[in-house]
N, C-alpha and C. Protein backbone atom coordinates (compact mmCIF):
# COMPACT_ATOMS: atom_id res chain seq x y z
N MET A 1 -26.26 12.28 -23.73
CA MET A 1 -25.39 11.16 -24.06
C MET A 1 -24.00 11.42 -23.51
N SER A 2 -23.44 10.42 -22.93
CA SER A 2 -22.09 10.51 -22.39
C SER A 2 -21.07 10.23 -23.48
N ARG A 3 -20.19 11.19 -23.73
CA ARG A 3 -19.16 10.98 -24.75
C ARG A 3 -18.18 9.90 -24.30
N ILE A 4 -17.86 9.92 -23.03
CA ILE A 4 -16.93 8.92 -22.50
C ILE A 4 -17.59 7.55 -22.48
N GLY A 5 -18.82 7.48 -22.04
CA GLY A 5 -19.52 6.20 -21.91
C GLY A 5 -19.77 5.49 -23.23
N LYS A 6 -19.91 6.25 -24.32
CA LYS A 6 -20.19 5.65 -25.63
C LYS A 6 -19.01 4.88 -26.20
N ALA A 7 -17.80 5.29 -25.86
CA ALA A 7 -16.61 4.69 -26.46
C ALA A 7 -16.40 3.26 -25.94
N PRO A 8 -16.19 2.30 -26.85
CA PRO A 8 -15.91 0.93 -26.40
C PRO A 8 -14.48 0.83 -25.86
N ILE A 9 -14.25 -0.17 -25.03
CA ILE A 9 -12.93 -0.41 -24.43
C ILE A 9 -12.32 -1.62 -25.13
N GLY A 10 -11.18 -1.41 -25.78
CA GLY A 10 -10.50 -2.51 -26.44
C GLY A 10 -9.78 -3.39 -25.43
N ILE A 11 -9.84 -4.69 -25.66
CA ILE A 11 -9.18 -5.64 -24.77
C ILE A 11 -7.91 -6.14 -25.46
N PRO A 12 -6.73 -5.88 -24.87
CA PRO A 12 -5.48 -6.38 -25.46
C PRO A 12 -5.41 -7.91 -25.46
N ASP A 13 -4.46 -8.46 -26.20
CA ASP A 13 -4.35 -9.91 -26.36
C ASP A 13 -4.09 -10.65 -25.06
N LYS A 14 -3.24 -10.10 -24.19
CA LYS A 14 -2.83 -10.80 -22.97
C LYS A 14 -3.82 -10.64 -21.82
N VAL A 15 -4.91 -9.95 -22.05
CA VAL A 15 -5.87 -9.66 -20.98
C VAL A 15 -7.08 -10.58 -21.11
N GLU A 16 -7.49 -11.14 -19.95
CA GLU A 16 -8.65 -12.02 -19.90
C GLU A 16 -9.74 -11.35 -19.06
N VAL A 17 -10.94 -11.18 -19.64
CA VAL A 17 -12.04 -10.50 -18.94
C VAL A 17 -13.19 -11.48 -18.77
N LYS A 18 -13.73 -11.55 -17.54
CA LYS A 18 -14.90 -12.37 -17.26
C LYS A 18 -16.01 -11.48 -16.75
N VAL A 19 -17.14 -11.50 -17.43
CA VAL A 19 -18.30 -10.72 -17.03
C VAL A 19 -19.29 -11.67 -16.37
N ASN A 20 -19.59 -11.42 -15.09
CA ASN A 20 -20.51 -12.25 -14.34
C ASN A 20 -21.58 -11.35 -13.74
N GLY A 21 -22.58 -11.01 -14.52
CA GLY A 21 -23.60 -10.07 -14.07
C GLY A 21 -23.02 -8.68 -13.98
N SER A 22 -22.99 -8.12 -12.77
CA SER A 22 -22.41 -6.79 -12.59
C SER A 22 -20.99 -6.85 -12.03
N THR A 23 -20.46 -8.07 -11.81
CA THR A 23 -19.10 -8.23 -11.33
C THR A 23 -18.18 -8.53 -12.51
N ILE A 24 -17.10 -7.77 -12.59
CA ILE A 24 -16.15 -7.93 -13.69
C ILE A 24 -14.80 -8.34 -13.11
N ASN A 25 -14.20 -9.39 -13.67
CA ASN A 25 -12.86 -9.83 -13.30
C ASN A 25 -11.95 -9.62 -14.48
N VAL A 26 -10.84 -8.91 -14.27
CA VAL A 26 -9.88 -8.63 -15.32
C VAL A 26 -8.54 -9.18 -14.87
N LYS A 27 -7.93 -10.02 -15.72
CA LYS A 27 -6.66 -10.66 -15.40
C LYS A 27 -5.68 -10.38 -16.53
N GLY A 28 -4.46 -9.95 -16.15
CA GLY A 28 -3.45 -9.63 -17.15
C GLY A 28 -2.06 -9.88 -16.62
N PRO A 29 -1.04 -9.47 -17.39
CA PRO A 29 0.34 -9.74 -16.97
C PRO A 29 0.76 -9.03 -15.68
N LYS A 30 0.18 -7.88 -15.35
CA LYS A 30 0.56 -7.13 -14.14
C LYS A 30 -0.22 -7.55 -12.89
N GLY A 31 -1.33 -8.27 -13.07
CA GLY A 31 -2.11 -8.67 -11.90
C GLY A 31 -3.55 -8.97 -12.25
N GLN A 32 -4.37 -8.99 -11.22
CA GLN A 32 -5.78 -9.34 -11.36
C GLN A 32 -6.62 -8.36 -10.56
N LEU A 33 -7.70 -7.86 -11.17
CA LEU A 33 -8.60 -6.92 -10.51
C LEU A 33 -10.04 -7.40 -10.63
N SER A 34 -10.83 -7.09 -9.63
CA SER A 34 -12.25 -7.43 -9.64
C SER A 34 -13.04 -6.25 -9.10
N TYR A 35 -14.18 -5.98 -9.70
CA TYR A 35 -15.00 -4.85 -9.26
C TYR A 35 -16.46 -5.18 -9.53
N THR A 36 -17.33 -4.80 -8.60
CA THR A 36 -18.77 -4.97 -8.77
C THR A 36 -19.37 -3.61 -9.09
N PHE A 37 -19.91 -3.49 -10.28
CA PHE A 37 -20.50 -2.23 -10.74
C PHE A 37 -21.95 -2.12 -10.29
N ARG A 38 -22.47 -0.91 -10.35
CA ARG A 38 -23.85 -0.67 -9.92
C ARG A 38 -24.83 -1.25 -10.94
N LYS A 39 -26.07 -1.45 -10.48
CA LYS A 39 -27.11 -2.07 -11.32
C LYS A 39 -27.63 -1.13 -12.41
N GLU A 40 -27.28 0.17 -12.34
CA GLU A 40 -27.78 1.14 -13.31
C GLU A 40 -27.10 1.01 -14.68
N VAL A 41 -25.98 0.27 -14.74
CA VAL A 41 -25.28 0.11 -16.02
C VAL A 41 -25.17 -1.37 -16.36
N LYS A 42 -25.11 -1.63 -17.66
CA LYS A 42 -24.97 -3.00 -18.15
C LYS A 42 -23.67 -3.08 -18.94
N ILE A 43 -22.86 -4.10 -18.66
CA ILE A 43 -21.57 -4.27 -19.33
C ILE A 43 -21.63 -5.53 -20.18
N GLU A 44 -21.31 -5.36 -21.47
CA GLU A 44 -21.36 -6.47 -22.41
C GLU A 44 -19.99 -6.66 -23.04
N GLN A 45 -19.63 -7.92 -23.28
CA GLN A 45 -18.36 -8.23 -23.94
C GLN A 45 -18.66 -8.78 -25.32
N ALA A 46 -18.10 -8.14 -26.33
CA ALA A 46 -18.27 -8.60 -27.71
C ALA A 46 -16.92 -8.59 -28.40
N ASP A 47 -16.52 -9.74 -28.94
CA ASP A 47 -15.22 -9.89 -29.60
C ASP A 47 -14.10 -9.45 -28.65
N LYS A 48 -13.33 -8.46 -29.05
CA LYS A 48 -12.22 -7.96 -28.23
C LYS A 48 -12.53 -6.56 -27.70
N ALA A 49 -13.78 -6.34 -27.26
CA ALA A 49 -14.17 -5.03 -26.76
C ALA A 49 -15.23 -5.17 -25.67
N LEU A 50 -15.23 -4.20 -24.78
CA LEU A 50 -16.25 -4.10 -23.73
C LEU A 50 -17.08 -2.85 -24.00
N LYS A 51 -18.39 -2.97 -23.82
CA LYS A 51 -19.28 -1.83 -24.05
C LYS A 51 -20.15 -1.64 -22.81
N VAL A 52 -20.22 -0.39 -22.35
CA VAL A 52 -21.02 -0.04 -21.18
C VAL A 52 -22.23 0.75 -21.65
N THR A 53 -23.42 0.35 -21.19
CA THR A 53 -24.66 1.05 -21.55
C THR A 53 -25.51 1.26 -20.30
N PRO A 54 -26.24 2.38 -20.25
CA PRO A 54 -27.14 2.57 -19.11
C PRO A 54 -28.38 1.69 -19.26
N VAL A 55 -28.93 1.25 -18.14
CA VAL A 55 -30.10 0.38 -18.16
C VAL A 55 -31.34 1.15 -18.60
N ASP A 56 -31.48 2.39 -18.10
CA ASP A 56 -32.62 3.24 -18.49
C ASP A 56 -32.13 4.67 -18.65
N GLU A 57 -33.04 5.60 -18.82
CA GLU A 57 -32.67 7.01 -19.04
C GLU A 57 -32.76 7.85 -17.76
N SER A 58 -32.67 7.22 -16.61
CA SER A 58 -32.73 7.98 -15.35
C SER A 58 -31.44 8.78 -15.17
N THR A 59 -31.49 9.78 -14.32
CA THR A 59 -30.34 10.64 -14.06
C THR A 59 -29.21 9.84 -13.43
N THR A 60 -29.52 8.95 -12.53
CA THR A 60 -28.50 8.14 -11.87
C THR A 60 -27.81 7.21 -12.86
N ALA A 61 -28.59 6.59 -13.74
CA ALA A 61 -28.01 5.68 -14.73
C ALA A 61 -27.07 6.42 -15.68
N ARG A 62 -27.46 7.60 -16.10
CA ARG A 62 -26.61 8.38 -17.01
C ARG A 62 -25.37 8.88 -16.29
N ALA A 63 -25.48 9.17 -14.99
CA ALA A 63 -24.32 9.61 -14.21
C ALA A 63 -23.32 8.47 -14.02
N MET A 64 -23.83 7.26 -13.83
CA MET A 64 -22.96 6.10 -13.62
C MET A 64 -22.36 5.56 -14.91
N TRP A 65 -22.90 5.95 -16.05
CA TRP A 65 -22.47 5.43 -17.34
C TRP A 65 -21.00 5.76 -17.64
N GLY A 66 -20.66 7.03 -17.64
CA GLY A 66 -19.28 7.45 -17.92
C GLY A 66 -18.32 7.00 -16.83
N LEU A 67 -18.77 7.06 -15.58
CA LEU A 67 -17.92 6.63 -14.46
C LEU A 67 -17.57 5.15 -14.58
N SER A 68 -18.56 4.33 -14.86
CA SER A 68 -18.33 2.89 -14.97
C SER A 68 -17.40 2.57 -16.12
N ARG A 69 -17.55 3.26 -17.23
CA ARG A 69 -16.69 3.04 -18.39
C ARG A 69 -15.24 3.40 -18.05
N THR A 70 -15.04 4.52 -17.34
CA THR A 70 -13.69 4.94 -16.96
C THR A 70 -13.07 3.97 -15.96
N LEU A 71 -13.83 3.51 -14.98
CA LEU A 71 -13.32 2.53 -14.02
C LEU A 71 -12.90 1.24 -14.71
N LEU A 72 -13.72 0.80 -15.66
CA LEU A 72 -13.42 -0.42 -16.40
C LEU A 72 -12.19 -0.24 -17.28
N SER A 73 -12.06 0.92 -17.89
CA SER A 73 -10.89 1.22 -18.71
C SER A 73 -9.62 1.25 -17.86
N ASN A 74 -9.72 1.81 -16.65
CA ASN A 74 -8.58 1.85 -15.74
C ASN A 74 -8.18 0.44 -15.29
N MET A 75 -9.16 -0.45 -15.16
CA MET A 75 -8.85 -1.83 -14.80
C MET A 75 -8.05 -2.51 -15.90
N VAL A 76 -8.47 -2.33 -17.15
CA VAL A 76 -7.78 -2.94 -18.29
C VAL A 76 -6.38 -2.36 -18.44
N THR A 77 -6.26 -1.03 -18.30
CA THR A 77 -4.94 -0.38 -18.39
C THR A 77 -4.04 -0.83 -17.24
N GLY A 78 -4.59 -0.99 -16.06
CA GLY A 78 -3.81 -1.37 -14.89
C GLY A 78 -3.20 -2.75 -15.00
N VAL A 79 -3.95 -3.72 -15.54
CA VAL A 79 -3.41 -5.07 -15.64
C VAL A 79 -2.47 -5.23 -16.83
N THR A 80 -2.47 -4.28 -17.77
CA THR A 80 -1.54 -4.37 -18.89
C THR A 80 -0.26 -3.58 -18.64
N THR A 81 -0.39 -2.28 -18.30
CA THR A 81 0.80 -1.43 -18.12
C THR A 81 1.02 -1.02 -16.67
N GLY A 82 -0.02 -0.93 -15.88
CA GLY A 82 0.10 -0.52 -14.48
C GLY A 82 0.09 1.00 -14.34
N PHE A 83 0.09 1.46 -13.10
CA PHE A 83 0.07 2.89 -12.79
C PHE A 83 1.22 3.21 -11.86
N VAL A 84 1.75 4.44 -11.98
CA VAL A 84 2.89 4.88 -11.17
C VAL A 84 2.61 6.27 -10.63
N LYS A 85 2.88 6.48 -9.35
CA LYS A 85 2.84 7.80 -8.72
C LYS A 85 4.20 8.02 -8.06
N SER A 86 4.76 9.20 -8.25
CA SER A 86 6.08 9.50 -7.70
C SER A 86 6.01 10.64 -6.70
N LEU A 87 6.69 10.47 -5.58
CA LEU A 87 6.82 11.51 -4.57
C LEU A 87 8.29 11.90 -4.46
N GLU A 88 8.53 13.19 -4.27
CA GLU A 88 9.88 13.70 -4.10
C GLU A 88 9.97 14.27 -2.69
N PHE A 89 11.06 13.94 -1.97
CA PHE A 89 11.21 14.50 -0.63
C PHE A 89 12.42 15.42 -0.58
N ASN A 90 12.22 16.58 0.06
CA ASN A 90 13.27 17.59 0.21
C ASN A 90 13.36 17.98 1.67
N GLY A 91 14.56 18.03 2.21
CA GLY A 91 14.78 18.44 3.59
C GLY A 91 16.07 17.85 4.11
N VAL A 92 16.68 18.52 5.06
CA VAL A 92 17.94 18.07 5.62
C VAL A 92 17.69 16.81 6.46
N GLY A 93 18.39 15.74 6.14
CA GLY A 93 18.26 14.50 6.89
C GLY A 93 17.06 13.65 6.51
N TYR A 94 16.30 14.04 5.50
CA TYR A 94 15.14 13.25 5.08
C TYR A 94 15.64 12.03 4.30
N LYS A 95 15.18 10.85 4.69
CA LYS A 95 15.59 9.61 4.04
C LYS A 95 14.40 8.69 3.90
N ALA A 96 14.50 7.79 2.94
CA ALA A 96 13.48 6.77 2.75
C ALA A 96 14.16 5.47 2.36
N ALA A 97 13.60 4.35 2.81
CA ALA A 97 14.13 3.03 2.47
C ALA A 97 12.98 2.04 2.43
N VAL A 98 13.10 1.06 1.54
CA VAL A 98 12.09 0.01 1.42
C VAL A 98 12.74 -1.31 1.81
N ALA A 99 12.10 -2.01 2.73
CA ALA A 99 12.55 -3.35 3.13
C ALA A 99 11.34 -4.27 3.09
N GLY A 100 11.29 -5.12 2.06
CA GLY A 100 10.14 -6.00 1.90
C GLY A 100 8.91 -5.19 1.55
N SER A 101 7.89 -5.25 2.39
CA SER A 101 6.67 -4.47 2.15
C SER A 101 6.52 -3.34 3.15
N THR A 102 7.65 -2.88 3.71
CA THR A 102 7.62 -1.77 4.67
C THR A 102 8.45 -0.62 4.14
N LEU A 103 7.85 0.56 4.13
CA LEU A 103 8.53 1.78 3.73
C LEU A 103 8.89 2.53 5.00
N THR A 104 10.19 2.78 5.21
CA THR A 104 10.66 3.49 6.39
C THR A 104 11.05 4.91 5.98
N LEU A 105 10.46 5.90 6.64
CA LEU A 105 10.70 7.30 6.31
C LEU A 105 11.28 8.04 7.50
N ASN A 106 12.36 8.79 7.28
CA ASN A 106 12.89 9.71 8.28
C ASN A 106 12.60 11.10 7.76
N LEU A 107 11.63 11.79 8.37
CA LEU A 107 11.16 13.06 7.85
C LEU A 107 11.30 14.20 8.84
N GLY A 108 12.32 14.15 9.68
CA GLY A 108 12.57 15.23 10.61
C GLY A 108 11.84 15.10 11.93
N TYR A 109 11.12 14.03 12.14
CA TYR A 109 10.48 13.79 13.42
C TYR A 109 11.48 13.10 14.34
N SER A 110 11.12 12.93 15.60
CA SER A 110 12.00 12.28 16.57
C SER A 110 12.05 10.77 16.36
N HIS A 111 11.22 10.24 15.49
CA HIS A 111 11.15 8.80 15.27
C HIS A 111 10.96 8.53 13.78
N PRO A 112 11.41 7.39 13.30
CA PRO A 112 11.15 7.04 11.90
C PRO A 112 9.70 6.57 11.75
N ILE A 113 9.13 6.83 10.58
CA ILE A 113 7.76 6.39 10.28
C ILE A 113 7.85 5.12 9.46
N GLU A 114 7.22 4.06 9.94
CA GLU A 114 7.20 2.80 9.21
C GLU A 114 5.80 2.60 8.66
N PHE A 115 5.71 2.56 7.33
CA PHE A 115 4.43 2.43 6.63
C PHE A 115 4.39 1.08 5.93
N LYS A 116 3.40 0.26 6.29
CA LYS A 116 3.24 -1.06 5.66
C LYS A 116 2.49 -0.88 4.35
N LEU A 117 3.12 -1.29 3.25
CA LEU A 117 2.51 -1.17 1.93
C LEU A 117 1.40 -2.20 1.77
N PRO A 118 0.25 -1.81 1.20
CA PRO A 118 -0.81 -2.78 0.97
C PRO A 118 -0.40 -3.81 -0.09
N GLN A 119 -1.09 -4.92 -0.10
CA GLN A 119 -0.80 -5.96 -1.08
C GLN A 119 -1.09 -5.43 -2.49
N GLY A 120 -0.19 -5.66 -3.41
CA GLY A 120 -0.36 -5.20 -4.78
C GLY A 120 0.34 -3.89 -5.09
N ILE A 121 0.95 -3.26 -4.08
CA ILE A 121 1.66 -2.00 -4.28
C ILE A 121 3.15 -2.23 -4.04
N GLU A 122 3.96 -1.75 -4.96
CA GLU A 122 5.41 -1.84 -4.83
C GLU A 122 5.97 -0.43 -4.73
N ALA A 123 7.01 -0.27 -3.92
CA ALA A 123 7.67 1.02 -3.78
C ALA A 123 9.14 0.87 -4.13
N LYS A 124 9.67 1.92 -4.75
CA LYS A 124 11.08 1.93 -5.13
C LYS A 124 11.64 3.30 -4.79
N VAL A 125 12.79 3.34 -4.11
CA VAL A 125 13.40 4.61 -3.72
C VAL A 125 14.69 4.80 -4.50
N THR A 126 14.79 5.94 -5.19
CA THR A 126 16.03 6.32 -5.88
C THR A 126 16.34 7.76 -5.50
N LYS A 127 17.50 7.98 -4.87
CA LYS A 127 17.93 9.29 -4.37
C LYS A 127 16.84 9.91 -3.52
N ASN A 128 16.16 10.97 -4.02
CA ASN A 128 15.11 11.61 -3.22
C ASN A 128 13.72 11.43 -3.82
N VAL A 129 13.51 10.33 -4.56
CA VAL A 129 12.21 10.07 -5.19
C VAL A 129 11.71 8.69 -4.76
N ILE A 130 10.43 8.65 -4.36
CA ILE A 130 9.77 7.39 -4.02
C ILE A 130 8.74 7.12 -5.11
N GLU A 131 8.82 5.96 -5.76
CA GLU A 131 7.85 5.59 -6.80
C GLU A 131 6.97 4.47 -6.29
N PHE A 132 5.66 4.69 -6.37
CA PHE A 132 4.68 3.66 -6.02
C PHE A 132 4.10 3.14 -7.32
N SER A 133 4.02 1.82 -7.47
CA SER A 133 3.45 1.25 -8.68
C SER A 133 2.53 0.09 -8.33
N GLY A 134 1.56 -0.13 -9.19
CA GLY A 134 0.60 -1.21 -9.01
C GLY A 134 -0.41 -1.21 -10.12
N CYS A 135 -1.31 -2.18 -10.11
CA CYS A 135 -2.31 -2.27 -11.18
C CYS A 135 -3.62 -1.57 -10.82
N ASP A 136 -3.86 -1.27 -9.55
CA ASP A 136 -5.09 -0.61 -9.12
C ASP A 136 -4.82 0.89 -8.97
N LYS A 137 -5.39 1.69 -9.88
CA LYS A 137 -5.14 3.13 -9.90
C LYS A 137 -5.57 3.80 -8.61
N GLU A 138 -6.72 3.41 -8.09
CA GLU A 138 -7.24 4.00 -6.85
C GLU A 138 -6.31 3.72 -5.67
N LEU A 139 -5.82 2.52 -5.56
CA LEU A 139 -4.95 2.14 -4.45
C LEU A 139 -3.58 2.81 -4.55
N VAL A 140 -3.04 2.92 -5.76
CA VAL A 140 -1.75 3.60 -5.95
C VAL A 140 -1.87 5.07 -5.54
N GLY A 141 -2.93 5.72 -5.96
CA GLY A 141 -3.16 7.12 -5.59
C GLY A 141 -3.39 7.30 -4.10
N PHE A 142 -4.12 6.36 -3.49
CA PHE A 142 -4.38 6.44 -2.05
C PHE A 142 -3.10 6.31 -1.24
N VAL A 143 -2.24 5.35 -1.62
CA VAL A 143 -0.98 5.13 -0.89
C VAL A 143 -0.07 6.35 -1.04
N ALA A 144 0.01 6.90 -2.25
CA ALA A 144 0.85 8.09 -2.46
C ALA A 144 0.33 9.27 -1.64
N ALA A 145 -0.97 9.46 -1.58
CA ALA A 145 -1.55 10.56 -0.80
C ALA A 145 -1.35 10.34 0.70
N LYS A 146 -1.45 9.10 1.15
CA LYS A 146 -1.24 8.79 2.56
C LYS A 146 0.20 9.07 2.98
N VAL A 147 1.16 8.64 2.16
CA VAL A 147 2.57 8.88 2.48
C VAL A 147 2.88 10.37 2.42
N ARG A 148 2.30 11.09 1.46
CA ARG A 148 2.50 12.54 1.35
C ARG A 148 1.99 13.26 2.59
N SER A 149 0.92 12.73 3.20
CA SER A 149 0.32 13.38 4.37
C SER A 149 1.22 13.30 5.61
N PHE A 150 2.24 12.45 5.61
CA PHE A 150 3.15 12.36 6.76
C PHE A 150 3.96 13.64 6.93
N ARG A 151 4.30 14.32 5.82
CA ARG A 151 5.01 15.60 5.89
C ARG A 151 4.72 16.35 4.60
N GLU A 152 3.61 17.10 4.61
CA GLU A 152 3.23 17.86 3.42
C GLU A 152 4.22 18.99 3.19
N PRO A 153 4.41 19.39 1.93
CA PRO A 153 5.39 20.45 1.65
C PRO A 153 4.96 21.77 2.25
N GLU A 154 5.94 22.50 2.81
CA GLU A 154 5.61 23.79 3.39
C GLU A 154 6.08 24.89 2.42
N PRO A 155 5.41 26.05 2.41
CA PRO A 155 5.63 27.05 1.37
C PRO A 155 6.85 27.95 1.56
N TYR A 156 7.54 27.88 2.68
CA TYR A 156 8.65 28.79 2.92
C TYR A 156 9.99 28.25 2.41
N LYS A 157 10.34 27.02 2.77
CA LYS A 157 11.58 26.43 2.30
C LYS A 157 11.35 25.29 1.32
N GLY A 158 10.11 24.83 1.18
CA GLY A 158 9.80 23.75 0.25
C GLY A 158 10.12 22.37 0.81
N LYS A 159 10.30 22.27 2.14
CA LYS A 159 10.61 20.99 2.75
C LYS A 159 9.36 20.13 2.82
N GLY A 160 9.54 18.82 2.70
CA GLY A 160 8.43 17.89 2.82
C GLY A 160 8.34 16.96 1.64
N LEU A 161 7.23 16.24 1.56
CA LEU A 161 6.97 15.31 0.47
C LEU A 161 6.00 15.95 -0.52
N LYS A 162 6.35 15.93 -1.80
CA LYS A 162 5.45 16.47 -2.83
C LYS A 162 5.47 15.54 -4.03
N TYR A 163 4.40 15.59 -4.83
CA TYR A 163 4.38 14.84 -6.08
C TYR A 163 5.43 15.44 -7.01
N THR A 164 6.01 14.63 -7.87
CA THR A 164 7.08 15.13 -8.74
C THR A 164 6.58 16.16 -9.74
N ASP A 165 5.32 16.08 -10.13
CA ASP A 165 4.77 17.05 -11.08
C ASP A 165 4.05 18.21 -10.38
N GLU A 166 4.14 18.29 -9.07
CA GLU A 166 3.47 19.34 -8.29
C GLU A 166 4.41 20.53 -8.13
N THR A 167 3.86 21.74 -8.22
CA THR A 167 4.67 22.93 -7.97
C THR A 167 4.19 23.57 -6.67
N ILE A 168 5.15 23.94 -5.84
CA ILE A 168 4.85 24.57 -4.57
C ILE A 168 5.06 26.07 -4.73
N ILE A 169 4.02 26.85 -4.47
CA ILE A 169 4.12 28.30 -4.55
C ILE A 169 4.81 28.78 -3.27
N ARG A 170 5.96 29.40 -3.45
CA ARG A 170 6.78 29.80 -2.32
C ARG A 170 6.33 31.15 -1.77
N LYS A 171 6.44 31.32 -0.45
CA LYS A 171 6.12 32.58 0.22
C LYS A 171 7.42 33.28 0.61
N ALA A 172 7.35 34.58 0.79
CA ALA A 172 8.54 35.38 1.04
C ALA A 172 9.05 35.23 2.47
N GLY A 173 8.21 35.11 3.44
CA GLY A 173 8.64 35.05 4.84
C GLY A 173 8.62 36.43 5.47
N LYS A 174 9.09 36.53 6.72
CA LYS A 174 9.01 37.80 7.46
C LYS A 174 9.87 38.90 6.86
N THR A 175 11.10 38.59 6.49
CA THR A 175 11.99 39.63 5.97
C THR A 175 11.56 40.11 4.59
N GLY A 176 10.93 39.29 3.81
CA GLY A 176 10.47 39.69 2.49
C GLY A 176 9.25 40.59 2.56
N ALA A 177 8.50 40.54 3.64
CA ALA A 177 7.29 41.33 3.77
C ALA A 177 7.59 42.80 4.13
N LYS A 178 8.76 43.09 4.71
CA LYS A 178 9.11 44.45 5.12
C LYS A 178 9.41 45.37 3.95
N LYS A 179 9.84 44.84 2.82
CA LYS A 179 10.27 45.67 1.70
C LYS A 179 9.16 46.40 1.04
């Protein structure tokens, strides 16, 4: 039995959920999400709660049970409060700016990097922190990881883009190794 899968998902007042077979549409104050779940799980709406159950006792159905419940819970959370990922950039001359749906990054290369933000993702730059926000958890994480990949943090001086809650293990360098 899946501990995660057994728990029902409460639906807040401002959220509207439509169950159409295996396709679920969730609409709330932050946006609208739609997802088609696999046939191994059945999603039922009762009162102000959603319940996910496996169709049979096969290994695949039990594996999809907890996953489907978590994805559905993330959809409900996303349209009510949203998700945020923050990146911090460190380095001499490193800059970031947002103009419309384009994020412009100066990360020590000979040219600025212009990254077009996908629909539904907003970016905000304050000092040396870039915040990505949106209602789709997967897309917010993907955009943050993509932007981080433009200049990953290096272990000697700590220059580059890193998540705000990430710690970089620093290395000593050549002079530190002689001692």
